[in-house]
Amino acid sequence: MELENEIIEVLKTIYDPEIPVDIFELGLIYEIKVHNENEVEIDMTLTSPNCPVAETLPKEVEDKVAFMHQVKSAKVNIVFDPPWDKDMMSEEAKLELGFI
């Protein structure tokens, strides 16, 4: 569980370029799985299938997590089920973007 928390801290340094909130608080990270030997698999989504960073954002997530000292490898799966909507954002993100 400690490694998962450290991964979350790394994910909080990655921002959607169109929205001034990190991808974790935006609710784009659906699941973090840490397998044997610290192989990490992350299910994430994008704000839309046509997101302009569809090519670069998942790669940035993979690279930053894989670069972590304790992580052997990182793989990102892009999923659109369930589709993302603003209700998936944290209270902090909603406040930051003026939804509250």
N, C-alpha and C. Protein backbone atom coordinates (compact mmCIF):
# COMPACT_ATOMS: atom_id res chain seq x y z
N MET A 1 0.83 -1.20 0.00
CA MET A 1 0.00 0.00 0.00
C MET A 1 0.87 1.26 0.00
N GLU A 2 2.03 1.17 0.63
CA GLU A 2 2.92 2.33 0.67
C GLU A 2 3.36 2.72 -0.74
N LEU A 3 3.72 1.72 -1.56
CA LEU A 3 4.13 2.01 -2.93
C LEU A 3 3.00 2.66 -3.71
N GLU A 4 1.78 2.18 -3.49
CA GLU A 4 0.63 2.78 -4.18
C GLU A 4 0.50 4.26 -3.82
N ASN A 5 0.70 4.60 -2.55
CA ASN A 5 0.63 6.01 -2.14
C ASN A 5 1.73 6.83 -2.79
N GLU A 6 2.91 6.26 -2.93
CA GLU A 6 4.01 6.96 -3.59
C GLU A 6 3.70 7.16 -5.07
N ILE A 7 3.07 6.17 -5.69
CA ILE A 7 2.67 6.30 -7.10
C ILE A 7 1.65 7.43 -7.24
N ILE A 8 0.71 7.50 -6.31
CA ILE A 8 -0.30 8.57 -6.35
C ILE A 8 0.39 9.93 -6.26
N GLU A 9 1.40 10.05 -5.41
CA GLU A 9 2.12 11.33 -5.30
C GLU A 9 2.77 11.70 -6.63
N VAL A 10 3.32 10.72 -7.34
CA VAL A 10 3.90 10.98 -8.65
C VAL A 10 2.81 11.39 -9.65
N LEU A 11 1.67 10.70 -9.61
CA LEU A 11 0.57 11.03 -10.52
C LEU A 11 0.06 12.45 -10.28
N LYS A 12 0.16 12.93 -9.05
CA LYS A 12 -0.29 14.28 -8.73
C LYS A 12 0.64 15.36 -9.29
N THR A 13 1.75 14.94 -9.91
CA THR A 13 2.65 15.91 -10.55
C THR A 13 2.37 16.03 -12.05
N ILE A 14 1.40 15.24 -12.53
CA ILE A 14 1.08 15.22 -13.97
C ILE A 14 -0.26 15.94 -14.18
N TYR A 15 -0.25 16.91 -15.07
CA TYR A 15 -1.44 17.73 -15.29
C TYR A 15 -1.98 17.55 -16.69
N ASP A 16 -3.32 17.59 -16.79
CA ASP A 16 -3.96 17.69 -18.09
C ASP A 16 -3.65 19.10 -18.58
N PRO A 17 -3.05 19.27 -19.75
CA PRO A 17 -2.64 20.61 -20.19
C PRO A 17 -3.79 21.60 -20.38
N GLU A 18 -5.00 21.09 -20.52
CA GLU A 18 -6.14 21.99 -20.74
C GLU A 18 -6.81 22.39 -19.44
N ILE A 19 -6.51 21.69 -18.35
CA ILE A 19 -7.19 21.93 -17.08
C ILE A 19 -6.12 22.05 -16.00
N PRO A 20 -6.14 23.10 -15.19
CA PRO A 20 -5.06 23.31 -14.20
C PRO A 20 -5.20 22.45 -12.94
N VAL A 21 -5.48 21.16 -13.13
CA VAL A 21 -5.65 20.23 -12.02
C VAL A 21 -4.92 18.94 -12.41
N ASP A 22 -4.28 18.30 -11.41
CA ASP A 22 -3.54 17.08 -11.74
C ASP A 22 -4.50 15.93 -12.10
N ILE A 23 -3.95 14.94 -12.81
CA ILE A 23 -4.79 13.87 -13.35
C ILE A 23 -5.42 13.00 -12.28
N PHE A 24 -4.78 12.91 -11.10
CA PHE A 24 -5.36 12.10 -10.03
C PHE A 24 -6.60 12.80 -9.45
N GLU A 25 -6.46 14.09 -9.14
CA GLU A 25 -7.60 14.84 -8.58
C GLU A 25 -8.73 14.99 -9.61
N LEU A 26 -8.37 14.97 -10.90
CA LEU A 26 -9.38 15.04 -11.96
C LEU A 26 -10.22 13.77 -12.03
N GLY A 27 -9.70 12.69 -11.44
CA GLY A 27 -10.43 11.42 -11.50
C GLY A 27 -10.12 10.61 -12.74
N LEU A 28 -9.00 10.91 -13.39
CA LEU A 28 -8.65 10.17 -14.61
C LEU A 28 -8.01 8.82 -14.31
N ILE A 29 -7.55 8.62 -13.07
CA ILE A 29 -6.93 7.35 -12.69
C ILE A 29 -8.02 6.47 -12.07
N TYR A 30 -8.32 5.36 -12.73
CA TYR A 30 -9.37 4.46 -12.25
C TYR A 30 -8.83 3.41 -11.30
N GLU A 31 -7.65 2.88 -11.60
CA GLU A 31 -7.12 1.81 -10.75
C GLU A 31 -5.61 1.74 -10.86
N ILE A 32 -4.96 1.47 -9.73
CA ILE A 32 -3.51 1.25 -9.69
C ILE A 32 -3.32 -0.16 -9.14
N LYS A 33 -2.68 -1.01 -9.94
CA LYS A 33 -2.43 -2.39 -9.50
C LYS A 33 -0.92 -2.59 -9.40
N VAL A 34 -0.48 -3.07 -8.24
CA VAL A 34 0.93 -3.39 -8.07
C VAL A 34 1.04 -4.91 -8.03
N HIS A 35 1.66 -5.47 -9.07
CA HIS A 35 1.81 -6.92 -9.18
C HIS A 35 3.11 -7.37 -8.53
N ASN A 36 3.36 -8.66 -8.57
CA ASN A 36 4.62 -9.21 -8.05
C ASN A 36 5.81 -8.45 -8.61
N GLU A 37 6.82 -8.34 -7.81
CA GLU A 37 8.07 -7.69 -8.22
C GLU A 37 7.87 -6.22 -8.60
N ASN A 38 6.81 -5.59 -8.06
CA ASN A 38 6.54 -4.16 -8.27
C ASN A 38 6.36 -3.77 -9.73
N GLU A 39 5.69 -4.64 -10.47
CA GLU A 39 5.25 -4.29 -11.82
C GLU A 39 3.91 -3.60 -11.66
N VAL A 40 3.81 -2.38 -12.17
CA VAL A 40 2.64 -1.54 -11.94
C VAL A 40 1.79 -1.46 -13.21
N GLU A 41 0.49 -1.58 -13.00
CA GLU A 41 -0.47 -1.44 -14.09
C GLU A 41 -1.49 -0.40 -13.67
N ILE A 42 -1.72 0.57 -14.53
CA ILE A 42 -2.63 1.67 -14.20
C ILE A 42 -3.73 1.73 -15.25
N ASP A 43 -4.98 1.71 -14.79
CA ASP A 43 -6.12 1.96 -15.67
C ASP A 43 -6.46 3.43 -15.55
N MET A 44 -6.45 4.11 -16.67
CA MET A 44 -6.81 5.52 -16.65
C MET A 44 -7.68 5.85 -17.84
N THR A 45 -8.31 6.99 -17.76
CA THR A 45 -9.14 7.45 -18.87
C THR A 45 -8.68 8.84 -19.26
N LEU A 46 -9.32 9.40 -20.25
CA LEU A 46 -9.06 10.76 -20.68
C LEU A 46 -10.38 11.52 -20.58
N THR A 47 -10.30 12.84 -20.55
CA THR A 47 -11.54 13.61 -20.42
C THR A 47 -12.47 13.38 -21.61
N SER A 48 -11.89 13.00 -22.76
CA SER A 48 -12.70 12.60 -23.91
C SER A 48 -11.85 11.73 -24.83
N PRO A 49 -12.49 10.87 -25.63
CA PRO A 49 -11.72 10.03 -26.56
C PRO A 49 -10.89 10.85 -27.55
N ASN A 50 -11.33 12.08 -27.81
CA ASN A 50 -10.63 12.95 -28.76
C ASN A 50 -9.64 13.88 -28.08
N CYS A 51 -9.32 13.60 -26.85
CA CYS A 51 -8.42 14.43 -26.06
C CYS A 51 -7.12 14.68 -26.84
N PRO A 52 -6.68 15.94 -26.93
CA PRO A 52 -5.46 16.24 -27.71
C PRO A 52 -4.19 15.59 -27.16
N VAL A 53 -4.21 15.17 -25.90
CA VAL A 53 -3.01 14.54 -25.32
C VAL A 53 -3.16 13.02 -25.22
N ALA A 54 -4.05 12.45 -26.01
CA ALA A 54 -4.30 11.00 -25.97
C ALA A 54 -3.03 10.21 -26.22
N GLU A 55 -2.11 10.74 -27.02
CA GLU A 55 -0.87 10.03 -27.32
C GLU A 55 0.19 10.27 -26.24
N THR A 56 0.26 11.48 -25.73
CA THR A 56 1.38 11.85 -24.86
C THR A 56 1.12 11.65 -23.37
N LEU A 57 -0.10 11.88 -22.91
CA LEU A 57 -0.38 11.79 -21.48
C LEU A 57 -0.18 10.39 -20.91
N PRO A 58 -0.72 9.33 -21.53
CA PRO A 58 -0.47 7.98 -20.99
C PRO A 58 1.02 7.63 -20.98
N LYS A 59 1.75 8.07 -21.97
CA LYS A 59 3.20 7.81 -22.04
C LYS A 59 3.91 8.53 -20.90
N GLU A 60 3.49 9.76 -20.61
CA GLU A 60 4.08 10.50 -19.48
C GLU A 60 3.82 9.78 -18.16
N VAL A 61 2.60 9.26 -17.99
CA VAL A 61 2.26 8.51 -16.78
C VAL A 61 3.15 7.27 -16.68
N GLU A 62 3.23 6.51 -17.76
CA GLU A 62 4.07 5.30 -17.78
C GLU A 62 5.51 5.63 -17.44
N ASP A 63 6.06 6.65 -18.09
CA ASP A 63 7.47 6.99 -17.90
C ASP A 63 7.76 7.44 -16.48
N LYS A 64 6.91 8.31 -15.93
CA LYS A 64 7.17 8.82 -14.58
C LYS A 64 7.05 7.73 -13.53
N VAL A 65 6.08 6.85 -13.67
CA VAL A 65 5.91 5.76 -12.70
C VAL A 65 7.04 4.74 -12.87
N ALA A 66 7.39 4.41 -14.10
CA ALA A 66 8.47 3.44 -14.35
C ALA A 66 9.81 3.96 -13.83
N PHE A 67 9.97 5.27 -13.80
CA PHE A 67 11.22 5.88 -13.35
C PHE A 67 11.40 5.81 -11.83
N MET A 68 10.30 5.52 -11.12
CA MET A 68 10.37 5.44 -9.65
C MET A 68 11.32 4.30 -9.25
N HIS A 69 12.11 4.56 -8.25
CA HIS A 69 13.15 3.63 -7.80
C HIS A 69 12.61 2.22 -7.54
N GLN A 70 11.47 2.10 -6.85
CA GLN A 70 10.96 0.79 -6.43
C GLN A 70 10.18 0.05 -7.53
N VAL A 71 9.88 0.75 -8.62
CA VAL A 71 9.02 0.17 -9.66
C VAL A 71 9.86 -0.52 -10.72
N LYS A 72 9.51 -1.77 -10.99
CA LYS A 72 10.24 -2.54 -12.02
C LYS A 72 9.76 -2.15 -13.42
N SER A 73 8.44 -2.03 -13.59
CA SER A 73 7.89 -1.64 -14.89
C SER A 73 6.53 -0.99 -14.66
N ALA A 74 6.08 -0.24 -15.66
CA ALA A 74 4.77 0.42 -15.57
C ALA A 74 4.07 0.30 -16.91
N LYS A 75 2.78 0.02 -16.85
CA LYS A 75 1.96 -0.10 -18.06
C LYS A 75 0.66 0.67 -17.81
N VAL A 76 0.26 1.45 -18.79
CA VAL A 76 -1.00 2.21 -18.69
C VAL A 76 -2.00 1.62 -19.67
N ASN A 77 -3.18 1.34 -19.17
CA ASN A 77 -4.30 0.91 -20.01
C ASN A 77 -5.29 2.08 -20.09
N ILE A 78 -5.62 2.50 -21.30
CA ILE A 78 -6.61 3.56 -21.48
C ILE A 78 -7.97 2.90 -21.58
N VAL A 79 -8.89 3.33 -20.73
CA VAL A 79 -10.24 2.78 -20.73
C VAL A 79 -11.25 3.93 -20.80
N PHE A 80 -12.37 3.67 -21.42
CA PHE A 80 -13.44 4.68 -21.51
C PHE A 80 -14.74 4.16 -20.90
N ASP A 81 -14.61 3.13 -20.07
CA ASP A 81 -15.79 2.57 -19.42
C ASP A 81 -15.47 2.44 -17.93
N PRO A 82 -16.09 3.21 -17.08
CA PRO A 82 -17.13 4.19 -17.39
C PRO A 82 -16.54 5.46 -18.00
N PRO A 83 -17.32 6.17 -18.82
CA PRO A 83 -16.84 7.42 -19.38
C PRO A 83 -16.60 8.44 -18.26
N TRP A 84 -15.57 9.24 -18.42
CA TRP A 84 -15.25 10.26 -17.42
C TRP A 84 -16.29 11.37 -17.45
N ASP A 85 -16.65 11.86 -16.28
CA ASP A 85 -17.41 13.12 -16.21
C ASP A 85 -16.97 13.86 -14.96
N LYS A 86 -17.40 15.11 -14.85
CA LYS A 86 -16.87 15.97 -13.79
C LYS A 86 -17.20 15.48 -12.38
N ASP A 87 -18.16 14.59 -12.23
CA ASP A 87 -18.48 14.04 -10.91
C ASP A 87 -17.36 13.15 -10.37
N MET A 88 -16.43 12.74 -11.23
CA MET A 88 -15.32 11.90 -10.81
C MET A 88 -14.17 12.71 -10.20
N MET A 89 -14.27 14.03 -10.30
CA MET A 89 -13.22 14.89 -9.75
C MET A 89 -13.32 14.92 -8.23
N SER A 90 -12.18 15.14 -7.59
CA SER A 90 -12.17 15.31 -6.14
C SER A 90 -12.83 16.64 -5.80
N GLU A 91 -13.21 16.79 -4.53
CA GLU A 91 -13.78 18.06 -4.08
C GLU A 91 -12.79 19.20 -4.35
N GLU A 92 -11.51 18.91 -4.12
CA GLU A 92 -10.45 19.90 -4.33
C GLU A 92 -10.44 20.38 -5.79
N ALA A 93 -10.53 19.43 -6.72
CA ALA A 93 -10.52 19.79 -8.14
C ALA A 93 -11.77 20.58 -8.51
N LYS A 94 -12.92 20.16 -8.00
CA LYS A 94 -14.17 20.90 -8.29
C LYS A 94 -14.09 22.33 -7.77
N LEU A 95 -13.52 22.49 -6.60
CA LEU A 95 -13.36 23.81 -6.01
C LEU A 95 -12.42 24.66 -6.87
N GLU A 96 -11.29 24.06 -7.26
CA GLU A 96 -10.28 24.75 -8.08
C GLU A 96 -10.88 25.24 -9.40
N LEU A 97 -11.76 24.44 -9.98
CA LEU A 97 -12.34 24.78 -11.28
C LEU A 97 -13.66 25.53 -11.18
N GLY A 98 -14.09 25.84 -9.95
CA GLY A 98 -15.29 26.63 -9.76
C GLY A 98 -16.59 25.87 -9.89
N PHE A 99 -16.57 24.55 -9.74
CA PHE A 99 -17.80 23.77 -9.81
C PHE A 99 -18.53 23.75 -8.46
N ILE A 100 -17.85 24.23 -7.41
CA ILE A 100 -18.49 24.26 -6.08
C ILE A 100 -18.60 25.71 -5.65
